[in-house]
Amino acid sequence: MRARPIIACFAIVAVLVAAGVIVWKFAFSGGVSLPLPLRSEYCTAKTSGEVTLTLDQMANAATIGAVGIRRGVPERAVTVALATALQESKLTNLDGGDRDSVGLFQQRPSQGWGTPTQIADPRYAAGRFYSALLRVHNWQRLSITAAAQAVQHSAVPSGYAKWASDATILASALMGDKSAAVACNVSTTPTTRGPRALSDLTNILKQDWGTAASVHAETPDSLALDVSGAQAGWQYAHWLVAHASDSGVERVQFGNLAWTAAKGVWGSIPRSQAPALSSVAASTVIAQVYAAQK
């Protein structure tokens, strides 16, 4: 009779071990746990430290960064915005929340932030946050926590502090301060491919970047963005990697480096494959989507 409990204990242990192999618990430096995505599906941002996010979280972070860059706000503003979204929604575009709160920043229609539909749009929500932040007197001299609280008026004003380090790393990566700083492991099969995927990618680019992005088609499966320098190039390159999962991007190239969905990391391009890595490569970011299935 005692054998059954022992066998059951071993069975439970085996299940837990198997679950540990499949599932990876993401934890930020702030010590706050986030969703449990599959190990094969995640993104990292590496600058002064490292932050790990789900694909959806990184895409939302990249959109917040792009809206800030497009508006010409300082990197500090992007950092405050990211810290706020990490605290309010864990960088997830929520359908609801406390009372009538909606979206990445948990903005409330009843408090004048916009309609629920507007606030549910990450671009609109990020733009409204930046507008409110820039109206705060001497906001750049405030701590990240104080600046976020001046906009949000949260019942837990100290909550933003634990995200300051992660937000600083994310903002630096998305602002293009360091090359090859954002990488994503994308293992899911793309829902769209070929010209349709390219069209979807172009639309998402326009939504996030507006007319700031100078986009032109290269081939039926790729597009190119003209950039003014290395920092701008990495801003777009990192954005493309962050949105690879929702836009069918298979490969991103800038300069002599390329990221591929198959490997999930940036690597050097062999000279034999990229003979012209001079001025053109330094001023153009190339994104290739998955080819249409035959």
Protein backbone atom coordinates (compact mmCIF):
# COMPACT_ATOMS: atom_id res chain seq x y z
CA MET A 1 0.00 0.00 0.00
CA ARG A 2 2.92 2.37 0.67
CA ALA A 3 4.25 1.92 -2.86
CA ARG A 4 1.47 3.98 -4.42
CA PRO A 5 2.28 7.24 -2.55
CA ILE A 6 5.96 6.83 -3.42
CA ILE A 7 5.16 6.25 -7.10
CA ALA A 8 2.81 9.26 -7.05
CA CYS A 9 5.57 11.46 -5.58
CA PHE A 10 7.96 10.41 -8.33
CA ALA A 11 5.28 11.12 -10.94
CA ILE A 12 4.75 14.63 -9.56
CA VAL A 13 8.49 15.31 -9.57
CA ALA A 14 8.74 14.08 -13.16
CA VAL A 15 5.93 16.40 -14.24
CA LEU A 16 7.55 19.37 -12.54
CA VAL A 17 10.91 18.62 -14.15
CA ALA A 18 9.28 18.32 -17.57
CA ALA A 19 7.46 21.59 -17.04
CA GLY A 20 10.76 23.21 -16.11
CA VAL A 21 12.26 22.11 -19.40
CA ILE A 22 9.36 23.53 -21.42
CA VAL A 23 8.60 26.69 -19.49
CA TRP A 24 10.96 29.47 -18.43
CA LYS A 25 9.95 31.96 -15.79
CA PHE A 26 10.97 35.42 -16.87
CA ALA A 27 12.15 37.66 -14.03
CA PHE A 28 13.36 41.26 -14.25
CA SER A 29 16.11 42.80 -12.22
CA GLY A 30 13.34 44.47 -10.24
CA GLY A 31 12.38 41.02 -8.99
CA VAL A 32 8.87 41.03 -10.45
CA SER A 33 7.69 37.93 -12.26
CA LEU A 34 6.16 38.12 -15.71
CA PRO A 35 4.25 35.57 -17.85
CA LEU A 36 5.73 32.16 -18.46
CA PRO A 37 6.47 31.96 -22.21
CA LEU A 38 8.04 29.01 -23.95
CA ARG A 39 11.82 29.08 -23.75
CA SER A 40 12.06 29.22 -27.56
CA GLU A 41 10.01 32.44 -27.74
CA TYR A 42 11.64 35.46 -26.13
CA CYS A 43 13.56 38.68 -26.77
CA THR A 44 16.53 40.29 -25.07
CA ALA A 45 17.85 43.83 -24.87
CA LYS A 46 21.50 44.18 -23.91
CA THR A 47 23.28 47.47 -23.16
CA SER A 48 24.55 48.24 -19.66
CA GLY A 49 22.68 45.15 -18.53
CA GLU A 50 20.20 42.66 -19.94
CA VAL A 51 16.41 42.56 -19.98
CA THR A 52 14.35 39.58 -21.18
CA LEU A 53 10.81 40.02 -22.53
CA THR A 54 8.19 38.02 -24.38
CA LEU A 55 7.78 38.72 -28.10
CA ASP A 56 4.62 40.74 -27.47
CA GLN A 57 6.24 42.79 -24.71
CA MET A 58 9.25 43.65 -26.86
CA ALA A 59 7.04 44.65 -29.77
CA ASN A 60 5.09 46.99 -27.49
CA ALA A 61 8.31 48.40 -26.04
CA ALA A 62 9.62 49.03 -29.57
CA THR A 63 6.42 50.85 -30.49
CA ILE A 64 6.72 53.09 -27.42
CA GLY A 65 10.31 53.80 -28.41
CA ALA A 66 9.42 54.52 -32.04
CA VAL A 67 6.67 56.98 -31.10
CA GLY A 68 9.14 58.79 -28.84
CA ILE A 69 11.86 58.90 -31.50
CA ARG A 70 9.38 60.14 -34.10
CA ARG A 71 8.34 62.95 -31.76
CA GLY A 72 11.94 63.84 -31.02
CA VAL A 73 11.71 63.36 -27.26
CA PRO A 74 14.89 62.79 -25.21
CA GLU A 75 15.92 59.26 -24.32
CA ARG A 76 15.00 60.06 -20.72
CA ALA A 77 11.35 60.44 -21.78
CA VAL A 78 11.40 57.02 -23.46
CA THR A 79 12.87 55.56 -20.27
CA VAL A 80 10.08 57.07 -18.16
CA ALA A 81 7.45 55.82 -20.60
CA LEU A 82 8.84 52.28 -20.56
CA ALA A 83 9.08 52.21 -16.75
CA THR A 84 5.47 53.37 -16.58
CA ALA A 85 4.21 50.73 -19.02
CA LEU A 86 6.19 48.01 -17.22
CA GLN A 87 4.53 48.92 -13.94
CA GLU A 88 1.03 49.54 -15.27
CA SER A 89 0.63 46.61 -17.66
CA LYS A 90 3.89 44.63 -17.82
CA LEU A 91 4.11 45.99 -21.39
CA THR A 92 0.92 44.13 -22.34
CA ASN A 93 -1.87 45.95 -24.14
CA LEU A 94 -4.63 45.13 -21.65
CA ASP A 95 -8.31 45.24 -22.57
CA GLY A 96 -9.21 46.52 -19.11
CA GLY A 97 -7.91 47.12 -15.61
CA ASP A 98 -8.74 49.09 -12.49
CA ARG A 99 -12.10 50.80 -13.03
CA ASP A 100 -12.12 51.98 -16.65
CA SER A 101 -8.34 51.72 -17.25
CA VAL A 102 -7.23 50.48 -20.68
CA GLY A 103 -4.03 49.66 -22.51
CA LEU A 104 -0.28 49.77 -21.98
CA PHE A 105 -0.38 52.76 -19.63
CA GLN A 106 -3.75 51.93 -18.06
CA GLN A 107 -5.12 55.30 -19.06
CA ARG A 108 -8.72 56.08 -18.15
CA PRO A 109 -11.32 57.48 -20.56
CA SER A 110 -13.13 59.08 -17.63
CA GLN A 111 -9.99 61.08 -16.86
CA GLY A 112 -9.76 62.58 -20.34
CA TRP A 113 -7.14 60.29 -21.89
CA GLY A 114 -9.33 59.45 -24.88
CA THR A 115 -11.91 56.89 -25.89
CA PRO A 116 -11.36 53.21 -25.00
CA THR A 117 -10.69 52.49 -28.67
CA GLN A 118 -8.10 55.26 -28.90
CA ILE A 119 -6.32 54.25 -25.71
CA ALA A 120 -6.23 50.62 -26.85
CA ASP A 121 -3.97 51.75 -29.73
CA PRO A 122 -0.37 51.59 -28.39
CA ARG A 123 0.71 54.47 -30.68
CA TYR A 124 -2.03 56.76 -29.45
CA ALA A 125 -1.46 55.76 -25.81
CA ALA A 126 2.28 56.36 -26.03
CA GLY A 127 1.75 59.72 -27.74
CA ARG A 128 -0.66 60.86 -25.04
CA PHE A 129 1.78 59.78 -22.35
CA TYR A 130 4.64 61.76 -23.91
CA SER A 131 2.43 64.83 -24.29
CA ALA A 132 1.50 64.68 -20.61
CA LEU A 133 5.10 64.07 -19.50
CA LEU A 134 6.46 67.01 -21.47
CA ARG A 135 3.97 69.29 -19.72
CA VAL A 136 5.37 68.37 -16.29
CA HIS A 137 7.54 71.21 -15.02
CA ASN A 138 11.24 70.25 -14.90
CA TRP A 139 10.39 66.61 -15.58
CA GLN A 140 13.92 65.85 -16.77
CA ARG A 141 15.28 66.76 -13.33
CA LEU A 142 12.89 64.39 -11.58
CA SER A 143 13.65 60.77 -10.84
CA ILE A 144 12.09 58.25 -13.20
CA THR A 145 9.64 57.35 -10.44
CA ALA A 146 8.65 60.94 -9.72
CA ALA A 147 8.28 61.78 -13.41
CA ALA A 148 6.05 58.76 -14.02
CA GLN A 149 3.95 59.53 -10.97
CA ALA A 150 3.52 63.15 -12.06
CA VAL A 151 1.74 61.82 -15.15
CA GLN A 152 -0.04 58.78 -13.78
CA HIS A 153 -1.14 59.90 -10.27
CA SER A 154 -0.95 56.27 -9.15
CA ALA A 155 -2.18 54.99 -5.81
CA VAL A 156 1.18 53.19 -5.58
CA PRO A 157 3.63 55.98 -6.49
CA SER A 158 6.73 54.00 -5.52
CA GLY A 159 5.87 51.15 -7.91
CA TYR A 160 7.73 52.65 -10.85
CA ALA A 161 11.07 52.61 -9.06
CA LYS A 162 11.63 48.86 -9.45
CA TRP A 163 11.47 49.20 -13.24
CA ALA A 164 13.94 52.07 -13.59
CA SER A 165 16.95 49.85 -14.35
CA ASP A 166 15.13 47.67 -16.89
CA ALA A 167 13.57 50.70 -18.57
CA THR A 168 16.98 52.37 -18.86
CA ILE A 169 18.44 49.28 -20.58
CA LEU A 170 15.45 48.96 -22.91
CA ALA A 171 15.43 52.64 -23.84
CA SER A 172 19.15 52.64 -24.60
CA ALA A 173 18.75 49.61 -26.89
CA LEU A 174 15.68 50.94 -28.70
CA MET A 175 17.25 54.38 -29.14
CA GLY A 176 20.12 52.75 -31.04
CA ASP A 177 22.85 53.55 -28.53
CA LYS A 178 24.47 50.16 -29.11
CA SER A 179 24.63 47.94 -32.16
CA ALA A 180 22.90 44.55 -32.24
CA ALA A 181 21.36 45.21 -28.83
CA VAL A 182 17.92 43.69 -29.46
CA ALA A 183 17.51 40.06 -30.48
CA CYS A 184 14.46 37.79 -30.54
CA ASN A 185 14.02 34.04 -30.81
CA VAL A 186 10.99 33.51 -33.05
CA SER A 187 10.05 29.88 -33.53
CA THR A 188 6.40 30.16 -34.59
CA THR A 189 5.41 29.79 -38.22
CA PRO A 190 4.53 33.20 -39.70
CA THR A 191 0.85 33.74 -40.42
CA THR A 192 1.63 35.82 -43.51
CA ARG A 193 4.39 35.50 -46.06
CA GLY A 194 5.63 37.11 -49.27
CA PRO A 195 4.00 40.27 -50.64
CA ARG A 196 1.19 40.19 -48.08
CA ALA A 197 3.68 40.05 -45.19
CA LEU A 198 5.67 42.85 -46.81
CA SER A 199 2.51 44.96 -47.08
CA ASP A 200 1.63 44.30 -43.44
CA LEU A 201 5.18 45.20 -42.36
CA THR A 202 5.05 48.45 -44.35
CA ASN A 203 1.74 49.36 -42.69
CA ILE A 204 3.09 48.69 -39.19
CA LEU A 205 6.16 50.78 -39.99
CA LYS A 206 3.96 53.69 -41.06
CA GLN A 207 1.79 53.39 -37.95
CA ASP A 208 4.77 53.52 -35.60
CA TRP A 209 7.11 55.84 -37.50
CA GLY A 210 4.79 57.92 -39.68
CA THR A 211 6.65 59.72 -42.43
CA ALA A 212 9.93 59.45 -40.52
CA ALA A 213 10.62 56.09 -42.16
CA SER A 214 11.88 56.31 -45.73
CA VAL A 215 10.81 52.92 -47.06
CA HIS A 216 11.22 51.46 -50.52
CA ALA A 217 10.81 47.95 -51.89
CA GLU A 218 13.90 45.94 -52.73
CA THR A 219 12.37 42.66 -53.90
CA PRO A 220 8.91 41.04 -53.60
CA ASP A 221 10.06 39.74 -50.22
CA SER A 222 12.16 42.60 -48.82
CA LEU A 223 12.21 46.31 -48.16
CA ALA A 224 14.89 48.87 -47.38
CA LEU A 225 14.90 51.85 -45.05
CA ASP A 226 17.24 54.74 -45.75
CA VAL A 227 18.85 56.06 -42.56
CA SER A 228 20.99 59.06 -41.70
CA GLY A 229 23.58 57.26 -39.60
CA ALA A 230 24.45 54.34 -37.35
CA GLN A 231 22.19 55.29 -34.45
CA ALA A 232 19.15 55.76 -36.68
CA GLY A 233 20.01 52.52 -38.44
CA TRP A 234 19.99 50.56 -35.21
CA GLN A 235 16.77 52.21 -34.10
CA TYR A 236 15.02 50.77 -37.15
CA ALA A 237 16.93 47.48 -37.09
CA HIS A 238 16.00 46.85 -33.46
CA TRP A 239 12.39 47.82 -34.14
CA LEU A 240 12.23 45.36 -37.04
CA VAL A 241 13.57 42.52 -34.91
CA ALA A 242 11.15 43.39 -32.11
CA HIS A 243 8.23 43.22 -34.55
CA ALA A 244 9.48 40.17 -36.47
CA SER A 245 6.95 37.87 -34.86
CA ASP A 246 3.89 39.95 -35.80
CA SER A 247 5.03 40.93 -39.29
CA GLY A 248 6.67 37.81 -40.75
CA VAL A 249 10.23 39.19 -40.77
CA GLU A 250 12.80 36.47 -41.40
CA ARG A 251 16.00 38.52 -41.66
CA VAL A 252 17.23 42.03 -40.77
CA GLN A 253 20.52 43.45 -42.01
CA PHE A 254 22.36 46.64 -41.15
CA GLY A 255 25.98 47.26 -42.02
CA ASN A 256 27.92 44.02 -41.85
CA LEU A 257 25.59 42.41 -39.29
CA ALA A 258 22.43 40.40 -39.80
CA TRP A 259 19.77 38.89 -37.54
CA THR A 260 17.79 35.87 -38.64
CA ALA A 261 14.69 34.32 -37.13
CA ALA A 262 16.26 30.88 -37.61
CA LYS A 263 19.19 31.67 -35.29
CA GLY A 264 17.68 34.44 -33.15
CA VAL A 265 20.98 36.30 -32.84
CA TRP A 266 23.02 38.88 -34.73
CA GLY A 267 26.03 37.68 -36.67
CA SER A 268 28.62 39.00 -39.09
CA ILE A 269 27.90 38.72 -42.80
CA PRO A 270 30.67 36.92 -44.73
CA ARG A 271 32.32 39.22 -47.26
CA SER A 272 31.55 36.69 -49.98
CA GLN A 273 27.83 37.18 -49.33
CA ALA A 274 27.96 40.97 -48.95
CA PRO A 275 30.66 42.43 -51.18
CA ALA A 276 29.29 45.99 -50.97
CA LEU A 277 29.34 46.74 -47.27
CA SER A 278 30.55 50.31 -47.60
CA SER A 279 28.46 53.46 -47.86
CA VAL A 280 25.23 51.80 -49.05
CA ALA A 281 25.22 49.20 -46.28
CA ALA A 282 25.95 51.86 -43.67
CA SER A 283 22.95 53.95 -44.75
CA THR A 284 20.36 51.25 -45.41
CA VAL A 285 18.51 48.79 -43.18
CA ILE A 286 17.14 45.80 -45.07
CA ALA A 287 14.27 43.63 -43.84
CA GLN A 288 13.36 40.37 -45.54
CA VAL A 289 10.07 38.57 -44.87
CA TYR A 290 9.39 34.89 -45.37
CA ALA A 291 8.94 34.06 -49.03
CA ALA A 292 5.49 33.09 -50.24
CA GLN A 293 4.84 29.38 -50.14
CA LYS A 294 4.73 27.74 -53.54
